[in-house]
Amino acid sequence: MLRNSVTIGQYLPGESLVHRLDPRTKIVAVLAYVIILFMVRGFSGYAVMGAVTAMMALAGKIPLKMLVRGLRPVLFIIVLTVTLNAVMTPGEVIYSLGPLGITREGIFQAAIMACRLLLLIVTTSMLTLTTAPIDLTDGLEYLMGPFRRVGVPAHELAMMMTIALRFIPTLLDEAERIMKAQMARGADFQSGGFVKRAKSMVPLLVPLFVSAFRRADDLALAMEARCYRGGEGRSRFKILRMGTRDVAAGALLAAGFAVALVV
């Protein structure tokens, strides 16, 4: 199942502590996590960041198999990044394969990149898994609100980003239906080399793009039928308010980030 292998864009309903946090708290926490993740240089720091990720997953009651399954679509990118770092980083060569050489420094850099990518993908997936799309839109709009003074359309940007995330699992479902329909008619997407597989995807991409444009047009018509005219003058049914749990969660995460940087 294509949709079951991608966690970004999916929402897992629940009543956990992470689900009940203010969306602004979660968005800021993930942004801070990503920044700290690129500042950490050693394995001890990544171990601390991994512990923070595990703590968030436990608090959000997210199944481990769902997080692991979400790594499958990007496994090729992770392997490619690790391989390139191992053979292209200059240093002491420990194994030669023709003109290419794997260096000791390259292995260290490859391991660092693997840890960074794995933690980055898992943590960003948890944001959408524990935050409803409408809450994510409200949180992004609130955070981008100050930029309105310089002409940034905060509401429209937040809406676009949320719709894009929301359509990821929908388009995956559509791609799976088209693939099954073509396989029932004799199409082969598995056999052959990389070039042949890439060519076999062309008949899949054309109807997928047509379906995506059709869904976008239907969504625009539905929004216009409900008198949607952008964020100017819109009222809110739910007012976001940060509580004690948000302050406590922010303090715990800040302590974890500080430990990772110090270590």
Protein backbone atom coordinates (compact mmCIF):
# COMPACT_ATOMS: atom_id res chain seq x y z
CA MET A 1 0.00 0.00 0.00
CA LEU A 2 1.54 3.29 -1.09
CA ARG A 3 -0.38 5.34 1.42
CA ASN A 4 0.58 3.08 4.32
CA SER A 5 4.26 3.57 3.49
CA VAL A 6 4.15 7.38 3.76
CA THR A 7 3.43 9.04 7.11
CA ILE A 8 4.02 12.69 6.16
CA GLY A 9 0.65 14.34 5.59
CA GLN A 10 -1.35 11.72 7.49
CA TYR A 11 -3.15 12.49 10.75
CA LEU A 12 -3.49 9.91 13.51
CA PRO A 13 -6.45 10.93 15.72
CA GLY A 14 -5.85 10.61 19.45
CA GLU A 15 -6.08 12.21 22.87
CA SER A 16 -2.45 11.96 23.91
CA LEU A 17 -0.47 14.73 25.55
CA VAL A 18 1.18 15.66 22.24
CA HIS A 19 -2.19 15.75 20.45
CA ARG A 20 -3.52 18.22 23.02
CA LEU A 21 -0.59 20.61 22.74
CA ASP A 22 -1.09 23.92 21.00
CA PRO A 23 -0.14 23.55 17.30
CA ARG A 24 2.15 26.57 17.59
CA THR A 25 4.12 24.80 20.31
CA LYS A 26 4.59 21.74 18.10
CA ILE A 27 5.56 23.75 15.02
CA VAL A 28 8.14 25.84 16.90
CA ALA A 29 9.47 22.70 18.63
CA VAL A 30 9.97 20.90 15.30
CA LEU A 31 11.68 23.94 13.77
CA ALA A 32 14.01 24.19 16.78
CA TYR A 33 14.64 20.44 16.57
CA VAL A 34 15.68 20.70 12.92
CA ILE A 35 18.03 23.61 13.65
CA ILE A 36 19.66 21.83 16.59
CA LEU A 37 19.91 18.64 14.52
CA PHE A 38 22.17 20.43 12.01
CA MET A 39 24.25 21.98 14.80
CA VAL A 40 25.03 18.68 16.54
CA ARG A 41 28.25 17.05 15.28
CA GLY A 42 28.88 13.98 17.45
CA PHE A 43 27.14 10.67 18.02
CA SER A 44 26.53 11.49 21.67
CA GLY A 45 24.50 14.51 20.65
CA TYR A 46 22.51 12.45 18.16
CA ALA A 47 21.85 9.88 20.88
CA VAL A 48 20.32 12.63 23.01
CA MET A 49 18.26 13.87 20.05
CA GLY A 50 17.12 10.31 19.43
CA ALA A 51 16.04 10.06 23.07
CA VAL A 52 14.04 13.29 22.65
CA THR A 53 12.38 11.82 19.54
CA ALA A 54 11.53 8.60 21.38
CA MET A 55 10.08 10.63 24.26
CA MET A 56 7.86 12.58 21.86
CA ALA A 57 6.72 9.37 20.14
CA LEU A 58 5.82 7.77 23.47
CA ALA A 59 3.99 10.88 24.65
CA GLY A 60 2.10 11.00 21.34
CA LYS A 61 1.27 7.26 21.49
CA ILE A 62 2.53 6.78 17.92
CA PRO A 63 3.16 3.13 16.98
CA LEU A 64 6.80 2.39 16.27
CA LYS A 65 5.94 0.34 13.17
CA MET A 66 4.21 3.39 11.66
CA LEU A 67 7.35 5.52 12.08
CA VAL A 68 9.57 2.77 10.67
CA ARG A 69 7.18 2.22 7.75
CA GLY A 70 7.40 5.92 6.93
CA LEU A 71 11.12 5.54 6.23
CA ARG A 72 10.60 3.13 3.31
CA PRO A 73 9.87 5.74 0.60
CA VAL A 74 13.08 7.66 1.43
CA LEU A 75 15.28 4.63 2.02
CA PHE A 76 16.84 4.99 -1.45
CA ILE A 77 17.74 8.65 -0.74
CA ILE A 78 19.30 7.69 2.61
CA VAL A 79 21.36 4.88 1.06
CA LEU A 80 22.48 7.14 -1.80
CA THR A 81 23.51 9.92 0.60
CA VAL A 82 25.42 7.51 2.82
CA THR A 83 27.22 5.95 -0.16
CA LEU A 84 28.24 9.30 -1.65
CA ASN A 85 29.58 10.55 1.69
CA ALA A 86 31.53 7.32 2.22
CA VAL A 87 33.33 7.42 -1.15
CA MET A 88 33.67 11.16 -1.77
CA THR A 89 34.94 12.40 1.59
CA PRO A 90 38.75 12.77 1.45
CA GLY A 91 40.83 11.05 4.10
CA GLU A 92 42.49 7.77 5.00
CA VAL A 93 41.42 5.08 2.50
CA ILE A 94 40.50 1.80 4.19
CA TYR A 95 38.95 0.00 1.21
CA SER A 96 39.36 0.55 -2.54
CA LEU A 97 36.87 -0.40 -5.21
CA GLY A 98 38.45 0.51 -8.53
CA PRO A 99 38.88 4.29 -8.79
CA LEU A 100 36.68 4.80 -5.73
CA GLY A 101 37.93 4.59 -2.18
CA ILE A 102 36.04 4.39 1.09
CA THR A 103 37.73 6.54 3.71
CA ARG A 104 37.61 6.41 7.48
CA GLU A 105 36.42 10.02 7.54
CA GLY A 106 33.83 9.16 4.88
CA ILE A 107 32.35 6.39 7.02
CA PHE A 108 32.10 8.78 9.96
CA GLN A 109 30.43 11.44 7.80
CA ALA A 110 28.08 8.85 6.28
CA ALA A 111 26.99 7.68 9.73
CA ILE A 112 26.39 11.28 10.79
CA MET A 113 24.25 11.95 7.71
CA ALA A 114 22.27 8.73 8.23
CA CYS A 115 21.45 9.68 11.83
CA ARG A 116 20.52 13.19 10.77
CA LEU A 117 18.20 12.11 7.96
CA LEU A 118 16.50 9.40 10.01
CA LEU A 119 15.78 11.72 12.93
CA LEU A 120 14.70 14.52 10.59
CA ILE A 121 12.15 12.37 8.74
CA VAL A 122 10.73 10.71 11.87
CA THR A 123 10.33 13.97 13.79
CA THR A 124 8.71 15.93 10.96
CA SER A 125 6.33 13.01 10.38
CA MET A 126 5.22 13.19 14.01
CA LEU A 127 4.10 16.80 13.51
CA THR A 128 1.43 15.86 10.97
CA LEU A 129 0.57 12.59 12.73
CA THR A 130 -0.38 14.44 15.94
CA THR A 131 -1.83 17.67 14.51
CA ALA A 132 -5.15 17.95 12.70
CA PRO A 133 -4.92 19.77 9.32
CA ILE A 134 -7.15 22.66 10.45
CA ASP A 135 -5.07 23.10 13.65
CA LEU A 136 -1.89 23.05 11.59
CA THR A 137 -3.31 25.78 9.35
CA ASP A 138 -4.28 27.94 12.34
CA GLY A 139 -0.87 27.47 13.95
CA LEU A 140 1.03 28.40 10.80
CA GLU A 141 -1.17 31.43 10.26
CA TYR A 142 -0.63 32.66 13.81
CA LEU A 143 3.13 32.23 13.56
CA MET A 144 3.33 34.02 10.20
CA GLY A 145 0.94 36.76 11.33
CA PRO A 146 3.68 39.35 12.15
CA PHE A 147 4.95 39.13 8.55
CA ARG A 148 1.68 40.60 7.27
CA ARG A 149 3.12 44.04 7.96
CA VAL A 150 5.59 43.52 5.11
CA GLY A 151 2.94 42.16 2.75
CA VAL A 152 3.23 38.42 3.37
CA PRO A 153 -0.18 36.68 2.88
CA ALA A 154 0.02 34.58 6.04
CA HIS A 155 -3.42 32.98 5.78
CA GLU A 156 -3.06 32.04 2.11
CA LEU A 157 0.43 30.57 2.61
CA ALA A 158 -0.71 28.53 5.62
CA MET A 159 -3.70 27.26 3.65
CA MET A 160 -1.55 26.28 0.68
CA MET A 161 0.99 24.43 2.83
CA THR A 162 -1.71 22.53 4.72
CA ILE A 163 -3.59 21.55 1.55
CA ALA A 164 -0.34 20.34 -0.01
CA LEU A 165 0.38 18.13 3.03
CA ARG A 166 -3.21 16.91 3.14
CA PHE A 167 -3.15 15.90 -0.54
CA ILE A 168 -0.05 13.68 -0.21
CA PRO A 169 -1.94 10.59 1.10
CA THR A 170 -4.87 11.36 -1.24
CA LEU A 171 -2.64 11.35 -4.32
CA LEU A 172 -0.91 8.19 -3.11
CA ASP A 173 -4.29 6.48 -2.89
CA GLU A 174 -5.08 7.67 -6.41
CA ALA A 175 -1.70 6.44 -7.69
CA GLU A 176 -2.31 3.03 -6.15
CA ARG A 177 -5.74 2.72 -7.76
CA ILE A 178 -4.35 3.68 -11.17
CA MET A 179 -1.45 1.26 -10.78
CA LYS A 180 -3.75 -1.64 -9.85
CA ALA A 181 -6.06 -0.85 -12.76
CA GLN A 182 -3.15 -0.84 -15.21
CA MET A 183 -1.66 -4.02 -13.73
CA ALA A 184 -5.04 -5.71 -14.22
CA ARG A 185 -4.73 -4.76 -17.91
CA GLY A 186 -1.26 -6.31 -18.19
CA ALA A 187 1.06 -3.43 -17.21
CA ASP A 188 4.34 -4.45 -15.54
CA PHE A 189 5.93 -2.06 -13.00
CA GLN A 190 8.32 -4.50 -11.29
CA SER A 191 10.47 -6.33 -13.84
CA GLY A 192 13.46 -4.96 -15.72
CA GLY A 193 16.19 -2.52 -14.81
CA PHE A 194 15.99 0.99 -13.48
CA VAL A 195 15.51 2.59 -16.92
CA LYS A 196 12.73 0.18 -17.86
CA ARG A 197 10.94 0.75 -14.56
CA ALA A 198 11.19 4.51 -15.01
CA LYS A 199 9.68 4.25 -18.50
CA SER A 200 6.85 2.06 -17.19
CA MET A 201 5.90 4.86 -14.77
CA VAL A 202 5.06 7.29 -17.59
CA PRO A 203 1.57 5.82 -18.22
CA LEU A 204 0.98 6.15 -14.46
CA LEU A 205 2.06 9.79 -14.19
CA VAL A 206 -0.20 11.13 -16.93
CA PRO A 207 -3.55 10.05 -15.41
CA LEU A 208 -2.22 10.94 -11.94
CA PHE A 209 -1.54 14.53 -13.02
CA VAL A 210 -4.97 14.73 -14.68
CA SER A 211 -6.59 13.48 -11.47
CA ALA A 212 -4.59 15.95 -9.37
CA PHE A 213 -5.71 18.91 -11.49
CA ARG A 214 -9.31 17.66 -11.37
CA ARG A 215 -9.19 17.43 -7.57
CA ALA A 216 -7.67 20.90 -7.34
CA ASP A 217 -10.44 22.32 -9.52
CA ASP A 218 -13.12 20.58 -7.43
CA LEU A 219 -11.57 21.93 -4.25
CA ALA A 220 -11.49 25.48 -5.64
CA LEU A 221 -15.15 25.25 -6.68
CA ALA A 222 -16.12 23.91 -3.24
CA MET A 223 -14.28 26.75 -1.49
CA GLU A 224 -15.91 29.36 -3.73
CA ALA A 225 -19.34 27.81 -3.14
CA ARG A 226 -18.75 28.35 0.57
CA CYS A 227 -17.88 32.02 -0.07
CA TYR A 228 -14.20 31.60 0.72
CA ARG A 229 -12.38 34.82 -0.17
CA GLY A 230 -9.09 34.50 1.70
CA GLY A 231 -8.16 35.39 5.26
CA GLU A 232 -9.16 39.06 5.24
CA GLY A 233 -11.95 39.64 7.77
CA ARG A 234 -12.45 35.96 8.60
CA SER A 235 -13.57 35.07 12.13
CA ARG A 236 -12.36 32.01 14.05
CA PHE A 237 -14.41 29.24 15.58
CA LYS A 238 -11.46 28.05 17.70
CA ILE A 239 -9.09 30.49 19.39
CA LEU A 240 -5.64 29.10 20.07
CA ARG A 241 -4.41 29.53 23.64
CA MET A 242 -1.23 28.14 25.14
CA GLY A 243 -1.56 26.49 28.54
CA THR A 244 0.59 25.06 31.28
CA ARG A 245 1.25 21.86 29.34
CA ASP A 246 2.71 23.88 26.46
CA VAL A 247 5.11 25.71 28.79
CA ALA A 248 6.13 22.43 30.43
CA ALA A 249 6.66 20.70 27.07
CA GLY A 250 8.68 23.64 25.78
CA ALA A 251 10.89 23.61 28.88
CA LEU A 252 11.52 19.87 28.61
CA LEU A 253 12.40 20.11 24.93
CA ALA A 254 14.67 23.12 25.54
CA ALA A 255 16.50 21.13 28.24
CA GLY A 256 16.92 18.20 25.85
CA PHE A 257 18.25 20.46 23.09
CA ALA A 258 20.69 22.09 25.51
CA VAL A 259 22.00 18.70 26.64
CA ALA A 260 22.46 17.62 23.01
CA LEU A 261 24.48 20.74 22.22
CA VAL A 262 26.61 20.48 25.35
CA VAL A 263 27.29 16.75 24.86
